[in-house]
Protein backbone atom coordinates (compact mmCIF):
# COMPACT_ATOMS: atom_id res chain seq x y z
CA UNK A 1 -22.98 -1.44 7.47
CA UNK A 2 -21.27 -3.77 5.03
CA UNK A 3 -20.08 -0.82 2.97
CA UNK A 4 -18.75 1.11 5.95
CA UNK A 5 -16.51 -1.75 7.17
CA UNK A 6 -14.21 -1.92 4.09
CA UNK A 7 -13.96 1.88 4.15
CA UNK A 8 -12.75 1.70 7.75
CA UNK A 9 -10.25 -1.06 6.94
CA UNK A 10 -8.63 0.70 3.98
CA UNK A 11 -7.43 3.79 5.93
CA UNK A 12 -5.89 1.48 8.57
CA UNK A 13 -3.88 -0.40 5.94
CA UNK A 14 -3.00 2.84 4.18
CA UNK A 15 -1.76 4.38 7.43
CA UNK A 16 0.59 1.44 8.00
CA UNK A 17 1.83 1.63 4.43
CA UNK A 18 2.20 5.41 4.62
CA UNK A 19 4.35 5.15 7.78
CA UNK A 20 6.62 2.57 6.13
CA UNK A 21 6.61 4.55 2.88
CA UNK A 22 7.46 7.77 4.72
CA UNK A 23 10.44 6.10 6.41
CA UNK A 24 11.60 4.69 3.07
CA UNK A 25 10.95 7.93 1.19
CA UNK A 26 12.92 10.13 3.61
CA UNK A 27 16.22 9.18 1.94
CA UNK A 28 14.76 9.65 -1.55
CA UNK A 29 13.32 13.04 -0.61
CA UNK A 30 16.69 14.15 0.78
CA UNK A 31 18.47 13.11 -2.44
CA UNK A 32 15.83 14.81 -4.61
CA UNK A 33 16.06 18.00 -2.52
CA UNK A 34 19.87 18.02 -2.82
CA UNK A 35 19.62 17.53 -6.59
CA UNK A 36 16.97 20.26 -6.90
CA UNK A 37 19.07 22.65 -4.80
CA UNK A 38 22.18 21.94 -6.93
CA UNK A 39 20.21 22.46 -10.15
CA UNK A 40 18.67 25.66 -8.79
CA UNK A 41 22.07 27.02 -7.71
CA UNK A 42 23.55 26.19 -11.13
CA UNK A 43 20.67 27.99 -12.87
CA UNK A 44 21.06 31.04 -10.61
CA UNK A 45 24.83 31.13 -11.20
CA UNK A 46 24.33 30.83 -14.97
CA UNK A 47 21.75 33.65 -14.92
CA UNK A 48 24.07 35.90 -12.86
CA UNK A 49 27.02 35.17 -15.15
CA UNK A 50 24.91 35.87 -18.25
CA UNK A 51 23.67 39.17 -16.76
CA UNK A 52 27.26 40.18 -15.88
CA UNK A 53 28.81 39.16 -19.20
CA UNK A 54 26.15 40.71 -21.50
CA UNK A 55 26.52 44.34 -20.28
CA UNK A 56 30.29 43.86 -19.93
CA UNK A 57 30.66 42.87 -23.58
């Protein structure tokens, strides 16, 4: 029983930390998603331009 008690306490503390972490990470996730979208769009545009310019030349 002594081993089961700390196991039950850790998820409770983790759940509280995860809720606070999720609220704090929402802004970071939004910024990272915006950056990833911008980078992805730039890569797609560069690939399209390279495909257009190579056969044109």
